[in-house]
């Protein structure tokens, strides 16, 4: 693939690494065991009813991976693994792949991604939100709220219960590593705009950046609401995407604030909302609290 692409955009962030070949093989054997099959009988998988296969797969995942952990290599259960032939290496270790290391890159995520959200609870109070948070964070609840307030000063009680711990922490860590390893420009974005569909109950969910960036808001009215404010934001985002694809620079004069390249020091991030702005390391401490560096 080297030389066949000149820019890259990663939407909805990334994991640092995915499943290893060894874990993949272990998981495959565990599925066979759940079904009472031996490795020599692998062809019988074609005869297993779908629901039985799914049940065996879920049981094998639980056995091998244990409790679900955001950002782990086995977070999604079954996943591609680097075999040295089709996938030459883990996404970001050892280091960035030579085929893309010096390619201009843009990457980002949304406020809520695939997390459950509380935006449908319109009457939720801070006291009620705090009661739920105590069950998760215990005596660190006040620390969590303080870090959240610093990251998102205009937060709501619903926001506190709807934080993304899957993609955002690893977007930051991947961006830091890329900025330190490559001289190619890197730009980071964060979509905080919340969809107004379904009585504004969905937040800024996984995939919402796609119709906004591709300027086809009307094709996913069930996501965007096909509203004027969605189109105004889409005008800005799609223009930035086009500019980046053409030039390696997403800046669009007159539409967005100046968007400087990301470094591990400045943490420069384009914050997409009804009012777009540049933020610097706005939620780094919060994400480190949520998903400590191992």
Protein backbone atom coordinates (compact mmCIF):
# COMPACT_ATOMS: atom_id res chain seq x y z
CA UNK A 1 0.00 0.00 0.00
CA UNK A 2 2.98 2.32 0.39
CA UNK A 3 2.77 5.12 -2.14
CA UNK A 4 -0.89 4.42 -2.93
CA UNK A 5 -2.35 6.96 -0.49
CA UNK A 6 -1.20 10.45 0.37
CA UNK A 7 -3.36 11.46 3.37
CA UNK A 8 -5.23 9.57 6.10
CA UNK A 9 -8.14 10.40 8.42
CA UNK A 10 -8.99 8.21 11.42
CA UNK A 11 -12.53 8.86 12.63
CA UNK A 12 -13.71 7.60 16.02
CA UNK A 13 -10.20 7.29 17.27
CA UNK A 14 -8.27 4.07 17.59
CA UNK A 15 -6.91 1.49 19.95
CA UNK A 16 -3.18 1.37 20.46
CA UNK A 17 -3.07 -2.32 19.65
CA UNK A 18 -5.51 -5.04 18.71
CA UNK A 19 -5.69 -8.75 19.38
CA UNK A 20 -2.49 -10.77 19.14
CA UNK A 21 -2.18 -13.85 16.95
CA UNK A 22 -1.73 -15.98 20.06
CA UNK A 23 -4.92 -14.68 21.69
CA UNK A 24 -6.82 -15.14 18.43
CA UNK A 25 -5.76 -18.78 18.26
CA UNK A 26 -6.59 -19.30 21.94
CA UNK A 27 -10.05 -17.84 21.35
CA UNK A 28 -10.62 -20.10 18.36
CA UNK A 29 -9.74 -23.17 20.39
CA UNK A 30 -12.03 -22.00 23.20
CA UNK A 31 -14.95 -21.75 20.76
CA UNK A 32 -14.32 -25.32 19.60
CA UNK A 33 -14.17 -26.48 23.21
CA UNK A 34 -17.51 -24.81 24.00
CA UNK A 35 -19.03 -26.69 21.08
CA UNK A 36 -17.45 -30.01 22.01
CA UNK A 37 -15.28 -30.08 18.89
CA UNK A 38 -11.58 -30.79 18.38
CA UNK A 39 -9.25 -28.76 16.14
CA UNK A 40 -9.45 -31.61 13.63
CA UNK A 41 -13.22 -31.04 13.40
CA UNK A 42 -13.04 -27.34 12.61
CA UNK A 43 -14.96 -27.85 9.34
CA UNK A 44 -18.03 -28.77 11.41
CA UNK A 45 -18.38 -25.10 12.37
CA UNK A 46 -20.18 -24.69 9.03
CA UNK A 47 -22.96 -26.96 10.32
CA UNK A 48 -23.53 -25.27 13.69
CA UNK A 49 -26.80 -23.27 13.95
CA UNK A 50 -26.13 -19.54 14.06
CA UNK A 51 -27.47 -18.90 17.56
CA UNK A 52 -25.50 -21.82 18.99
CA UNK A 53 -22.35 -20.47 17.36
CA UNK A 54 -22.95 -16.99 18.77
CA UNK A 55 -23.56 -18.43 22.25
CA UNK A 56 -20.34 -20.46 22.10
CA UNK A 57 -18.44 -17.43 20.84
CA UNK A 58 -19.69 -15.22 23.66
CA UNK A 59 -18.86 -17.87 26.25
CA UNK A 60 -15.37 -18.30 24.80
CA UNK A 61 -14.77 -14.55 24.83
CA UNK A 62 -15.81 -14.32 28.49
CA UNK A 63 -13.54 -17.25 29.35
CA UNK A 64 -10.47 -15.87 27.55
CA UNK A 65 -10.88 -12.13 28.02
CA UNK A 66 -12.60 -11.86 31.38
CA UNK A 67 -14.66 -8.77 32.26
CA UNK A 68 -15.10 -6.17 29.52
CA UNK A 69 -12.40 -3.51 29.71
CA UNK A 70 -12.52 -0.32 27.61
CA UNK A 71 -9.59 -0.02 25.23
CA UNK A 72 -8.23 -3.52 25.80
CA UNK A 73 -6.95 -5.64 22.92
CA UNK A 74 -9.92 -7.97 23.35
CA UNK A 75 -12.55 -5.27 23.87
CA UNK A 76 -14.54 -6.23 20.78
CA UNK A 77 -14.26 -9.98 21.27
CA UNK A 78 -13.25 -11.34 17.87
CA UNK A 79 -10.88 -9.07 15.97
CA UNK A 80 -8.19 -9.10 13.27
CA UNK A 81 -4.71 -10.04 14.39
CA UNK A 82 -1.34 -9.30 12.87
CA UNK A 83 -0.23 -12.38 10.95
CA UNK A 84 2.84 -10.88 9.28
CA UNK A 85 1.30 -11.41 5.84
CA UNK A 86 -1.94 -9.45 5.45
CA UNK A 87 -1.51 -7.35 8.57
CA UNK A 88 2.20 -6.83 8.98
CA UNK A 89 2.22 -5.53 12.55
CA UNK A 90 0.14 -4.15 15.39
CA UNK A 91 -1.28 -0.71 14.50
CA UNK A 92 1.19 1.25 16.59
CA UNK A 93 3.84 -1.14 17.84
CA UNK A 94 6.63 -1.46 17.32
CA UNK A 95 6.25 2.16 16.22
CA UNK A 96 4.14 3.35 13.31
CA UNK A 97 4.15 1.30 10.14
CA UNK A 98 6.59 2.48 7.49
CA UNK A 99 3.84 2.63 4.85
CA UNK A 100 2.12 5.49 6.68
CA UNK A 101 4.60 6.98 9.11
CA UNK A 102 5.26 10.10 7.04
CA UNK A 103 1.71 10.55 5.71
CA UNK A 104 -0.22 13.63 6.95
CA UNK A 105 -2.82 12.41 9.42
CA UNK A 106 -6.05 13.73 10.93
CA UNK A 107 -7.78 11.87 13.75
CA UNK A 108 -10.53 12.42 16.26
CA UNK A 109 -13.56 11.13 18.13
CA UNK A 110 -16.97 12.19 19.40
CA UNK A 111 -18.03 13.18 22.90
CA UNK A 112 -20.04 10.04 23.61
CA UNK A 113 -18.96 7.48 21.00
CA UNK A 114 -20.43 4.07 21.89
CA UNK A 115 -21.15 4.86 25.52
CA UNK A 116 -24.61 4.70 27.12
CA UNK A 117 -25.92 8.24 27.52
CA UNK A 118 -28.27 9.89 30.00
CA UNK A 119 -29.51 12.70 27.75
CA UNK A 120 -33.03 11.29 27.68
CA UNK A 121 -33.31 12.04 31.42
CA UNK A 122 -34.23 15.69 31.02
CA UNK A 123 -34.95 16.30 34.72
CA UNK A 124 -31.77 14.69 36.06
CA UNK A 125 -30.24 16.80 38.83
CA UNK A 126 -26.61 17.11 39.90
CA UNK A 127 -27.48 15.38 43.17
CA UNK A 128 -28.98 12.41 41.33
CA UNK A 129 -26.01 12.23 38.97
CA UNK A 130 -23.62 12.32 41.90
CA UNK A 131 -25.43 9.45 43.64
CA UNK A 132 -24.81 7.28 40.59
CA UNK A 133 -21.21 8.41 40.24
CA UNK A 134 -20.44 7.44 43.84
CA UNK A 135 -21.32 3.85 42.96
CA UNK A 136 -18.59 3.91 40.29
CA UNK A 137 -15.90 6.22 41.68
CA UNK A 138 -16.48 6.02 45.43
CA UNK A 139 -14.33 8.50 47.33
CA UNK A 140 -12.87 9.73 44.03
CA UNK A 141 -16.21 11.10 42.85
CA UNK A 142 -15.37 14.71 43.70
CA UNK A 143 -12.05 14.37 41.88
CA UNK A 144 -13.86 13.05 38.81
CA UNK A 145 -16.39 15.91 38.83
CA UNK A 146 -13.61 18.48 39.26
CA UNK A 147 -11.61 17.08 36.35
CA UNK A 148 -14.76 16.91 34.22
CA UNK A 149 -15.61 20.53 35.00
CA UNK A 150 -12.14 21.63 33.93
CA UNK A 151 -12.37 19.65 30.70
CA UNK A 152 -15.95 20.64 29.82
CA UNK A 153 -16.87 23.82 31.75
CA UNK A 154 -20.42 23.96 30.36
CA UNK A 155 -21.23 20.37 31.36
CA UNK A 156 -24.63 19.07 32.44
CA UNK A 157 -25.56 16.31 34.93
CA UNK A 158 -26.27 14.11 31.92
CA UNK A 159 -22.76 14.73 30.57
CA UNK A 160 -21.21 13.39 33.76
CA UNK A 161 -22.85 10.01 33.15
CA UNK A 162 -22.10 9.85 29.42
CA UNK A 163 -18.31 10.07 29.12
CA UNK A 164 -16.39 8.16 26.44
CA UNK A 165 -13.79 5.87 27.99
CA UNK A 166 -13.29 3.75 24.88
CA UNK A 167 -11.90 5.93 22.10
CA UNK A 168 -10.96 9.33 23.50
CA UNK A 169 -8.20 8.17 25.90
CA UNK A 170 -6.48 6.19 23.16
CA UNK A 171 -6.93 8.96 20.60
CA UNK A 172 -4.82 11.15 22.88
CA UNK A 173 -2.17 8.47 23.43
CA UNK A 174 -1.97 7.58 19.75
CA UNK A 175 -1.73 11.25 18.78
CA UNK A 176 1.06 11.79 21.31
CA UNK A 177 3.02 8.82 19.97
CA UNK A 178 2.51 9.81 16.34
CA UNK A 179 3.54 13.42 16.96
CA UNK A 180 6.76 12.25 18.58
CA UNK A 181 7.61 9.67 15.91
CA UNK A 182 6.76 11.49 12.69
CA UNK A 183 7.55 14.83 11.10
CA UNK A 184 4.38 14.64 8.99
CA UNK A 185 1.63 17.03 10.14
CA UNK A 186 -0.98 15.70 12.55
CA UNK A 187 -4.34 17.34 13.25
CA UNK A 188 -6.76 16.25 15.97
CA UNK A 189 -10.47 17.00 16.25
CA UNK A 190 -13.19 16.42 18.82
CA UNK A 191 -16.91 16.46 17.99
CA UNK A 192 -18.99 17.76 20.91
CA UNK A 193 -22.09 18.73 18.90
CA UNK A 194 -25.13 16.82 20.15
CA UNK A 195 -27.81 15.58 17.80
CA UNK A 196 -31.29 16.91 18.45
CA UNK A 197 -33.10 13.82 17.17
CA UNK A 198 -35.28 11.74 19.49
CA UNK A 199 -35.78 14.70 21.80
CA UNK A 200 -32.01 15.29 21.99
CA UNK A 201 -31.50 11.99 23.80
CA UNK A 202 -28.55 10.54 21.85
CA UNK A 203 -25.74 13.03 22.42
CA UNK A 204 -22.68 13.08 20.16
CA UNK A 205 -22.69 9.40 19.37
CA UNK A 206 -20.43 7.03 17.44
CA UNK A 207 -20.57 7.77 13.71
CA UNK A 208 -22.22 11.19 13.96
CA UNK A 209 -19.13 12.81 12.47
CA UNK A 210 -19.58 10.87 9.20
CA UNK A 211 -22.58 12.71 7.67
CA UNK A 212 -21.21 16.00 8.98
CA UNK A 213 -17.78 15.47 7.43
CA UNK A 214 -19.14 14.13 4.14
CA UNK A 215 -21.77 16.88 3.81
CA UNK A 216 -24.69 14.49 3.42
CA UNK A 217 -26.60 15.48 6.53
CA UNK A 218 -29.90 14.84 4.73
CA UNK A 219 -29.05 11.19 4.06
CA UNK A 220 -29.04 10.46 7.81
CA UNK A 221 -31.89 12.62 9.01
CA UNK A 222 -32.46 10.05 11.75
CA UNK A 223 -29.00 10.97 13.08
CA UNK A 224 -28.64 14.68 12.33
CA UNK A 225 -32.23 15.89 12.26
CA UNK A 226 -31.41 17.54 8.91
CA UNK A 227 -31.48 20.84 10.78
CA UNK A 228 -29.98 24.20 9.87
CA UNK A 229 -27.43 23.97 12.67
CA UNK A 230 -26.38 20.51 11.46
CA UNK A 231 -25.80 21.89 7.96
CA UNK A 232 -23.86 24.89 9.29
CA UNK A 233 -21.52 22.58 11.18
CA UNK A 234 -21.30 20.25 8.20
CA UNK A 235 -20.23 23.18 6.00
CA UNK A 236 -17.28 23.73 8.33
CA UNK A 237 -16.32 20.12 8.87
CA UNK A 238 -16.60 19.02 5.25
CA UNK A 239 -14.58 22.03 4.10
CA UNK A 240 -11.85 21.13 6.57
CA UNK A 241 -11.87 17.49 5.42
CA UNK A 242 -11.63 18.51 1.76
CA UNK A 243 -8.83 20.95 2.47
CA UNK A 244 -6.90 18.30 4.36
CA UNK A 245 -7.33 15.70 1.62
CA UNK A 246 -6.14 18.17 -1.00
CA UNK A 247 -3.30 19.85 0.86
CA UNK A 248 -2.59 17.99 4.10
CA UNK A 249 -3.82 21.06 5.97
CA UNK A 250 -7.45 21.36 7.22
CA UNK A 251 -7.43 25.12 7.67
CA UNK A 252 -10.26 26.95 5.90
CA UNK A 253 -10.01 30.72 6.13
CA UNK A 254 -13.17 32.39 7.34
CA UNK A 255 -14.91 29.20 8.48
CA UNK A 256 -12.81 27.92 11.36
CA UNK A 257 -10.28 29.25 13.87
CA UNK A 258 -6.66 28.66 12.94
CA UNK A 259 -6.00 24.94 13.36
CA UNK A 260 -2.40 24.26 14.31
CA UNK A 261 -0.75 20.84 14.10
CA UNK A 262 -0.96 18.67 17.19
CA UNK A 263 2.03 18.03 19.41
CA UNK A 264 2.22 16.09 22.66
CA UNK A 265 2.96 19.39 24.37
CA UNK A 266 0.24 21.62 22.93
CA UNK A 267 -2.51 19.01 22.57
CA UNK A 268 -4.10 21.29 19.95
CA UNK A 269 -7.58 20.01 19.13
CA UNK A 270 -10.36 21.45 16.96
CA UNK A 271 -13.49 21.36 19.11
CA UNK A 272 -16.43 21.05 16.73
CA UNK A 273 -19.72 22.41 18.05
CA UNK A 274 -22.14 25.17 17.09
CA UNK A 275 -19.25 27.46 18.03
CA UNK A 276 -15.98 25.84 16.94
CA UNK A 277 -12.80 26.57 18.84
CA UNK A 278 -9.28 25.31 19.46
CA UNK A 279 -8.63 23.68 22.82
CA UNK A 280 -5.31 22.54 24.23
CA UNK A 281 -5.06 19.39 26.35
CA UNK A 282 -8.57 20.15 27.56
CA UNK A 283 -9.37 16.64 28.81
CA UNK A 284 -5.95 14.99 29.11
CA UNK A 285 -6.05 14.81 32.92
CA UNK A 286 -9.63 13.55 32.88
CA UNK A 287 -8.83 10.79 30.40
CA UNK A 288 -5.77 9.78 32.41
CA UNK A 289 -8.01 9.52 35.46
CA UNK A 290 -10.57 7.45 33.56
CA UNK A 291 -8.07 5.10 31.90
CA UNK A 292 -4.71 5.22 33.73
CA UNK A 293 -1.61 4.59 31.67
CA UNK A 294 -0.44 1.04 32.30
